[in-house]
Amino acid sequence: MAEIDRVRRNCRRGLLELDVVLTRFLDRHFESLSPQQRDAFNRMLDYPDNDLWDLVTGKQAPPDAETARIVSLFE
């Protein structure tokens, strides 16, 4: 299975809004991410839905600089 397919599967969430935002992010940015940024994005996918939503909407501060770079691409 290709990496993008695995990540796309992991982007399927219980919150429809989060599903849409993550899928849009993949389509627009995933191919251009560095390996470190891809790792940061994959770590973000381990967050519970509500925490991840707060992170991508700016209600929660990113825990590190690499995650902050990823979150900035959601804007």
PDB file of N, CA and C in Angstrom:
ATOM      1  N   MET A   1       0.847  -1.174   0.000  1.00  0.00           N
ATOM      2  CA  MET A   1       0.000   0.000   0.000  1.00  0.00           C
ATOM      3  C   MET A   1       0.896   1.242   0.000  1.00  0.00           C
ATOM      4  N   ALA A   2       0.576   2.179  -0.841  1.00  0.00           N
ATOM      5  CA  ALA A   2       1.342   3.421  -0.933  1.00  0.00           C
ATOM      6  C   ALA A   2       1.160   4.244   0.337  1.00  0.00           C
ATOM      7  N   GLU A   3       2.180   5.028   0.664  1.00  0.00           N
ATOM      8  CA  GLU A   3       2.125   5.849   1.880  1.00  0.00           C
ATOM      9  C   GLU A   3       0.909   6.762   1.888  1.00  0.00           C
ATOM     10  N   ILE A   4       0.628   7.416   0.767  1.00  0.00           N
ATOM     11  CA  ILE A   4      -0.507   8.343   0.704  1.00  0.00           C
ATOM     12  C   ILE A   4      -1.824   7.624   0.977  1.00  0.00           C
ATOM     13  N   ASP A   5      -1.948   6.391   0.509  1.00  0.00           N
ATOM     14  CA  ASP A   5      -3.174   5.626   0.746  1.00  0.00           C
ATOM     15  C   ASP A   5      -3.325   5.279   2.226  1.00  0.00           C
ATOM     16  N   ARG A   6      -2.211   4.925   2.868  1.00  0.00           N
ATOM     17  CA  ARG A   6      -2.248   4.603   4.291  1.00  0.00           C
ATOM     18  C   ARG A   6      -2.614   5.848   5.099  1.00  0.00           C
ATOM     19  N   VAL A   7      -2.000   6.971   4.753  1.00  0.00           N
ATOM     20  CA  VAL A   7      -2.286   8.210   5.468  1.00  0.00           C
ATOM     21  C   VAL A   7      -3.733   8.637   5.225  1.00  0.00           C
ATOM     22  N   ARG A   8      -4.190   8.513   3.995  1.00  0.00           N
ATOM     23  CA  ARG A   8      -5.587   8.876   3.679  1.00  0.00           C
ATOM     24  C   ARG A   8      -6.564   8.044   4.521  1.00  0.00           C
ATOM     25  N   ARG A   9      -6.262   6.768   4.679  1.00  0.00           N
ATOM     26  CA  ARG A   9      -7.112   5.905   5.512  1.00  0.00           C
ATOM     27  C   ARG A   9      -7.099   6.390   6.964  1.00  0.00           C
ATOM     28  N   ASN A  10      -5.932   6.825   7.447  1.00  0.00           N
ATOM     29  CA  ASN A  10      -5.820   7.312   8.820  1.00  0.00           C
ATOM     30  C   ASN A  10      -6.488   8.669   9.017  1.00  0.00           C
ATOM     31  N   CYS A  11      -6.780   9.364   7.927  1.00  0.00           N
ATOM     32  CA  CYS A  11      -7.453  10.658   8.007  1.00  0.00           C
ATOM     33  C   CYS A  11      -8.958  10.518   8.171  1.00  0.00           C
ATOM     34  N   ARG A  12      -9.475   9.335   8.002  1.00  0.00           N
ATOM     35  CA  ARG A  12     -10.915   9.119   8.186  1.00  0.00           C
ATOM     36  C   ARG A  12     -11.238   9.279   9.661  1.00  0.00           C
ATOM     37  N   ARG A  13     -12.076  10.235   9.992  1.00  0.00           N
ATOM     38  CA  ARG A  13     -12.363  10.570  11.373  1.00  0.00           C
ATOM     39  C   ARG A  13     -13.853  10.528  11.644  1.00  0.00           C
ATOM     40  N   GLY A  14     -14.196  10.603  12.922  1.00  0.00           N
ATOM     41  CA  GLY A  14     -15.589  10.635  13.331  1.00  0.00           C
ATOM     42  C   GLY A  14     -16.239  11.986  13.086  1.00  0.00           C
ATOM     43  N   LEU A  15     -15.452  13.038  13.109  1.00  0.00           N
ATOM     44  CA  LEU A  15     -15.968  14.384  12.830  1.00  0.00           C
ATOM     45  C   LEU A  15     -15.904  14.655  11.332  1.00  0.00           C
ATOM     46  N   LEU A  16     -17.032  14.864  10.720  1.00  0.00           N
ATOM     47  CA  LEU A  16     -17.078  15.102   9.278  1.00  0.00           C
ATOM     48  C   LEU A  16     -16.223  16.306   8.885  1.00  0.00           C
ATOM     49  N   GLU A  17     -16.288  17.371   9.677  1.00  0.00           N
ATOM     50  CA  GLU A  17     -15.510  18.571   9.356  1.00  0.00           C
ATOM     51  C   GLU A  17     -14.017  18.254   9.324  1.00  0.00           C
ATOM     52  N   LEU A  18     -13.571  17.448  10.263  1.00  0.00           N
ATOM     53  CA  LEU A  18     -12.162  17.068  10.331  1.00  0.00           C
ATOM     54  C   LEU A  18     -11.792  16.189   9.149  1.00  0.00           C
ATOM     55  N   ASP A  19     -12.670  15.293   8.785  1.00  0.00           N
ATOM     56  CA  ASP A  19     -12.489  14.444   7.607  1.00  0.00           C
ATOM     57  C   ASP A  19     -12.247  15.304   6.358  1.00  0.00           C
ATOM     58  N   VAL A  20     -13.070  16.318   6.181  1.00  0.00           N
ATOM     59  CA  VAL A  20     -12.978  17.199   5.016  1.00  0.00           C
ATOM     60  C   VAL A  20     -11.669  17.982   5.044  1.00  0.00           C
ATOM     61  N   VAL A  21     -11.322  18.564   6.188  1.00  0.00           N
ATOM     62  CA  VAL A  21     -10.113  19.378   6.308  1.00  0.00           C
ATOM     63  C   VAL A  21      -8.866  18.532   6.064  1.00  0.00           C
ATOM     64  N   LEU A  22      -8.809  17.338   6.644  1.00  0.00           N
ATOM     65  CA  LEU A  22      -7.633  16.485   6.480  1.00  0.00           C
ATOM     66  C   LEU A  22      -7.492  15.990   5.041  1.00  0.00           C
ATOM     67  N   THR A  23      -8.589  15.626   4.415  1.00  0.00           N
ATOM     68  CA  THR A  23      -8.542  15.173   3.028  1.00  0.00           C
ATOM     69  C   THR A  23      -8.083  16.298   2.107  1.00  0.00           C
ATOM     70  N   ARG A  24      -8.590  17.491   2.342  1.00  0.00           N
ATOM     71  CA  ARG A  24      -8.183  18.652   1.545  1.00  0.00           C
ATOM     72  C   ARG A  24      -6.687  18.911   1.734  1.00  0.00           C
ATOM     73  N   PHE A  25      -6.210  18.809   2.973  1.00  0.00           N
ATOM     74  CA  PHE A  25      -4.787  18.995   3.245  1.00  0.00           C
ATOM     75  C   PHE A  25      -3.953  17.982   2.470  1.00  0.00           C
ATOM     76  N   LEU A  26      -4.361  16.725   2.504  1.00  0.00           N
ATOM     77  CA  LEU A  26      -3.629  15.690   1.765  1.00  0.00           C
ATOM     78  C   LEU A  26      -3.553  16.016   0.286  1.00  0.00           C
ATOM     79  N   ASP A  27      -4.680  16.370  -0.288  1.00  0.00           N
ATOM     80  CA  ASP A  27      -4.726  16.655  -1.722  1.00  0.00           C
ATOM     81  C   ASP A  27      -3.854  17.850  -2.111  1.00  0.00           C
ATOM     82  N   ARG A  28      -3.776  18.834  -1.239  1.00  0.00           N
ATOM     83  CA  ARG A  28      -3.033  20.057  -1.563  1.00  0.00           C
ATOM     84  C   ARG A  28      -1.554  20.003  -1.192  1.00  0.00           C
ATOM     85  N   HIS A  29      -1.212  19.327  -0.098  1.00  0.00           N
ATOM     86  CA  HIS A  29       0.124  19.504   0.460  1.00  0.00           C
ATOM     87  C   HIS A  29       0.955  18.244   0.671  1.00  0.00           C
ATOM     88  N   PHE A  30       0.348  17.093   0.779  1.00  0.00           N
ATOM     89  CA  PHE A  30       1.097  15.928   1.248  1.00  0.00           C
ATOM     90  C   PHE A  30       2.311  15.610   0.395  1.00  0.00           C
ATOM     91  N   GLU A  31       2.176  15.655  -0.894  1.00  0.00           N
ATOM     92  CA  GLU A  31       3.285  15.293  -1.785  1.00  0.00           C
ATOM     93  C   GLU A  31       4.496  16.211  -1.614  1.00  0.00           C
ATOM     94  N   SER A  32       4.282  17.442  -1.196  1.00  0.00           N
ATOM     95  CA  SER A  32       5.390  18.388  -1.064  1.00  0.00           C
ATOM     96  C   SER A  32       5.999  18.428   0.339  1.00  0.00           C
ATOM     97  N   LEU A  33       5.473  17.654   1.274  1.00  0.00           N
ATOM     98  CA  LEU A  33       6.007  17.642   2.638  1.00  0.00           C
ATOM     99  C   LEU A  33       7.337  16.907   2.702  1.00  0.00           C
ATOM    100  N   SER A  34       8.218  17.404   3.551  1.00  0.00           N
ATOM    101  CA  SER A  34       9.481  16.708   3.801  1.00  0.00           C
ATOM    102  C   SER A  34       9.192  15.466   4.653  1.00  0.00           C
ATOM    103  N   PRO A  35      10.133  14.546   4.744  1.00  0.00           N
ATOM    104  CA  PRO A  35       9.929  13.378   5.610  1.00  0.00           C
ATOM    105  C   PRO A  35       9.635  13.766   7.066  1.00  0.00           C
ATOM    106  N   GLN A  36      10.286  14.801   7.562  1.00  0.00           N
ATOM    107  CA  GLN A  36      10.037  15.247   8.933  1.00  0.00           C
ATOM    108  C   GLN A  36       8.625  15.804   9.080  1.00  0.00           C
ATOM    109  N   GLN A  37       8.171  16.534   8.076  1.00  0.00           N
ATOM    110  CA  GLN A  37       6.813  17.076   8.113  1.00  0.00           C
ATOM    111  C   GLN A  37       5.780  15.959   8.001  1.00  0.00           C
ATOM    112  N   ARG A  38       6.064  14.959   7.207  1.00  0.00           N
ATOM    113  CA  ARG A  38       5.149  13.815   7.113  1.00  0.00           C
ATOM    114  C   ARG A  38       5.066  13.094   8.449  1.00  0.00           C
ATOM    115  N   ASP A  39       6.200  12.952   9.122  1.00  0.00           N
ATOM    116  CA  ASP A  39       6.190  12.342  10.454  1.00  0.00           C
ATOM    117  C   ASP A  39       5.352  13.161  11.423  1.00  0.00           C
ATOM    118  N   ALA A  40       5.508  14.481  11.382  1.00  0.00           N
ATOM    119  CA  ALA A  40       4.728  15.362  12.258  1.00  0.00           C
ATOM    120  C   ALA A  40       3.237  15.232  11.959  1.00  0.00           C
ATOM    121  N   PHE A  41       2.888  15.186  10.680  1.00  0.00           N
ATOM    122  CA  PHE A  41       1.486  15.030  10.308  1.00  0.00           C
ATOM    123  C   PHE A  41       0.951  13.693  10.808  1.00  0.00           C
ATOM    124  N   ASN A  42       1.710  12.642  10.653  1.00  0.00           N
ATOM    125  CA  ASN A  42       1.272  11.332  11.138  1.00  0.00           C
ATOM    126  C   ASN A  42       1.115  11.318  12.653  1.00  0.00           C
ATOM    127  N   ARG A  43       1.976  12.025  13.369  1.00  0.00           N
ATOM    128  CA  ARG A  43       1.818  12.131  14.827  1.00  0.00           C
ATOM    129  C   ARG A  43       0.523  12.867  15.162  1.00  0.00           C
ATOM    130  N   MET A  44       0.210  13.887  14.373  1.00  0.00           N
ATOM    131  CA  MET A  44      -1.039  14.622  14.595  1.00  0.00           C
ATOM    132  C   MET A  44      -2.245  13.696  14.458  1.00  0.00           C
ATOM    133  N   LEU A  45      -2.157  12.747  13.549  1.00  0.00           N
ATOM    134  CA  LEU A  45      -3.284  11.837  13.332  1.00  0.00           C
ATOM    135  C   LEU A  45      -3.532  10.908  14.516  1.00  0.00           C
ATOM    136  N   ASP A  46      -2.574  10.844  15.444  1.00  0.00           N
ATOM    137  CA  ASP A  46      -2.766  10.053  16.656  1.00  0.00           C
ATOM    138  C   ASP A  46      -3.590  10.791  17.703  1.00  0.00           C
ATOM    139  N   TYR A  47      -3.802  12.087  17.510  1.00  0.00           N
ATOM    140  CA  TYR A  47      -4.589  12.875  18.456  1.00  0.00           C
ATOM    141  C   TYR A  47      -6.052  12.428  18.411  1.00  0.00           C
ATOM    142  N   PRO A  48      -6.748  12.526  19.543  1.00  0.00           N
ATOM    143  CA  PRO A  48      -8.209  12.334  19.512  1.00  0.00           C
ATOM    144  C   PRO A  48      -8.843  13.401  18.617  1.00  0.00           C
ATOM    145  N   ASP A  49      -9.983  13.086  18.046  1.00  0.00           N
ATOM    146  CA  ASP A  49     -10.632  13.990  17.091  1.00  0.00           C
ATOM    147  C   ASP A  49     -10.784  15.420  17.610  1.00  0.00           C
ATOM    148  N   ASN A  50     -11.303  15.583  18.810  1.00  0.00           N
ATOM    149  CA  ASN A  50     -11.544  16.939  19.315  1.00  0.00           C
ATOM    150  C   ASN A  50     -10.242  17.708  19.506  1.00  0.00           C
ATOM    151  N   ASP A  51      -9.196  17.054  19.977  1.00  0.00           N
ATOM    152  CA  ASP A  51      -7.907  17.718  20.138  1.00  0.00           C
ATOM    153  C   ASP A  51      -7.306  18.086  18.777  1.00  0.00           C
ATOM    154  N   LEU A  52      -7.437  17.189  17.816  1.00  0.00           N
ATOM    155  CA  LEU A  52      -6.928  17.463  16.473  1.00  0.00           C
ATOM    156  C   LEU A  52      -7.694  18.628  15.841  1.00  0.00           C
ATOM    157  N   TRP A  53      -8.998  18.658  16.021  1.00  0.00           N
ATOM    158  CA  TRP A  53      -9.803  19.761  15.502  1.00  0.00           C
ATOM    159  C   TRP A  53      -9.353  21.082  16.114  1.00  0.00           C
ATOM    160  N   ASP A  54      -9.151  21.085  17.436  1.00  0.00           N
ATOM    161  CA  ASP A  54      -8.689  22.302  18.100  1.00  0.00           C
ATOM    162  C   ASP A  54      -7.325  22.731  17.571  1.00  0.00           C
ATOM    163  N   LEU A  55      -6.477  21.780  17.269  1.00  0.00           N
ATOM    164  CA  LEU A  55      -5.144  22.081  16.746  1.00  0.00           C
ATOM    165  C   LEU A  55      -5.229  22.714  15.361  1.00  0.00           C
ATOM    166  N   VAL A  56      -5.981  22.114  14.448  1.00  0.00           N
ATOM    167  CA  VAL A  56      -6.025  22.633  13.074  1.00  0.00           C
ATOM    168  C   VAL A  56      -6.846  23.917  12.953  1.00  0.00           C
ATOM    169  N   THR A  57      -7.711  24.187  13.929  1.00  0.00           N
ATOM    170  CA  THR A  57      -8.486  25.431  13.887  1.00  0.00           C
ATOM    171  C   THR A  57      -7.849  26.536  14.711  1.00  0.00           C
ATOM    172  N   GLY A  58      -6.690  26.252  15.318  1.00  0.00           N
ATOM    173  CA  GLY A  58      -5.975  27.268  16.069  1.00  0.00           C
ATOM    174  C   GLY A  58      -6.427  27.466  17.497  1.00  0.00           C
ATOM    175  N   LYS A  59      -7.301  26.618  17.989  1.00  0.00           N
ATOM    176  CA  LYS A  59      -7.762  26.742  19.373  1.00  0.00           C
ATOM    177  C   LYS A  59      -6.767  26.135  20.358  1.00  0.00           C
ATOM    178  N   GLN A  60      -5.872  25.318  19.846  1.00  0.00           N
ATOM    179  CA  GLN A  60      -4.831  24.697  20.669  1.00  0.00           C
ATOM    180  C   GLN A  60      -3.493  24.971  20.012  1.00  0.00           C
ATOM    181  N   ALA A  61      -2.512  25.309  20.813  1.00  0.00           N
ATOM    182  CA  ALA A  61      -1.174  25.597  20.288  1.00  0.00           C
ATOM    183  C   ALA A  61      -0.463  24.303  19.911  1.00  0.00           C
ATOM    184  N   PRO A  62       0.261  24.294  18.796  1.00  0.00           N
ATOM    185  CA  PRO A  62       1.040  23.114  18.410  1.00  0.00           C
ATOM    186  C   PRO A  62       2.110  22.809  19.458  1.00  0.00           C
ATOM    187  N   PRO A  63       2.386  21.531  19.680  1.00  0.00           N
ATOM    188  CA  PRO A  63       3.345  21.156  20.726  1.00  0.00           C
ATOM    189  C   PRO A  63       4.806  21.380  20.356  1.00  0.00           C
ATOM    190  N   ASP A  64       5.095  21.541  19.060  1.00  0.00           N
ATOM    191  CA  ASP A  64       6.487  21.723  18.643  1.00  0.00           C
ATOM    192  C   ASP A  64       6.523  22.475  17.308  1.00  0.00           C
ATOM    193  N   ALA A  65       7.729  22.851  16.913  1.00  0.00           N
ATOM    194  CA  ALA A  65       7.901  23.677  15.706  1.00  0.00           C
ATOM    195  C   ALA A  65       7.478  22.948  14.439  1.00  0.00           C
ATOM    196  N   GLU A  66       7.782  21.676  14.330  1.00  0.00           N
ATOM    197  CA  GLU A  66       7.423  20.923  13.117  1.00  0.00           C
ATOM    198  C   GLU A  66       5.911  20.822  12.967  1.00  0.00           C
ATOM    199  N   THR A  67       5.231  20.555  14.062  1.00  0.00           N
ATOM    200  CA  THR A  67       3.763  20.510  14.037  1.00  0.00           C
ATOM    201  C   THR A  67       3.199  21.882  13.698  1.00  0.00           C
ATOM    202  N   ALA A  68       3.819  22.933  14.230  1.00  0.00           N
ATOM    203  CA  ALA A  68       3.362  24.293  13.929  1.00  0.00           C
ATOM    204  C   ALA A  68       3.457  24.578  12.434  1.00  0.00           C
ATOM    205  N   ARG A  69       4.518  24.090  11.783  1.00  0.00           N
ATOM    206  CA  ARG A  69       4.660  24.277  10.323  1.00  0.00           C
ATOM    207  C   ARG A  69       3.520  23.584   9.577  1.00  0.00           C
ATOM    208  N   ILE A  70       3.179  22.394  10.027  1.00  0.00           N
ATOM    209  CA  ILE A  70       2.075  21.653   9.392  1.00  0.00           C
ATOM    210  C   ILE A  70       0.766  22.400   9.606  1.00  0.00           C
ATOM    211  N   VAL A  71       0.512  22.810  10.846  1.00  0.00           N
ATOM    212  CA  VAL A  71      -0.733  23.489  11.165  1.00  0.00           C
ATOM    213  C   VAL A  71      -0.858  24.766  10.341  1.00  0.00           C
ATOM    214  N   SER A  72       0.249  25.459  10.094  1.00  0.00           N
ATOM    215  CA  SER A  72       0.184  26.702   9.315  1.00  0.00           C
ATOM    216  C   SER A  72      -0.303  26.455   7.894  1.00  0.00           C
ATOM    217  N   LEU A  73      -0.139  25.260   7.382  1.00  0.00           N
ATOM    218  CA  LEU A  73      -0.607  24.926   6.027  1.00  0.00           C
ATOM    219  C   LEU A  73      -2.121  24.748   5.963  1.00  0.00           C
ATOM    220  N   PHE A  74      -2.757  24.579   7.105  1.00  0.00           N
ATOM    221  CA  PHE A  74      -4.217  24.435   7.135  1.00  0.00           C
ATOM    222  C   PHE A  74      -4.917  25.769   6.956  1.00  0.00           C
ATOM    223  N   GLU A  75      -4.203  26.862   7.137  1.00  0.00           N
ATOM    224  CA  GLU A  75      -4.826  28.193   7.069  1.00  0.00           C
ATOM    225  C   GLU A  75      -5.034  28.640   5.664  1.00  0.00           C
TER     226      GLU A  75
END
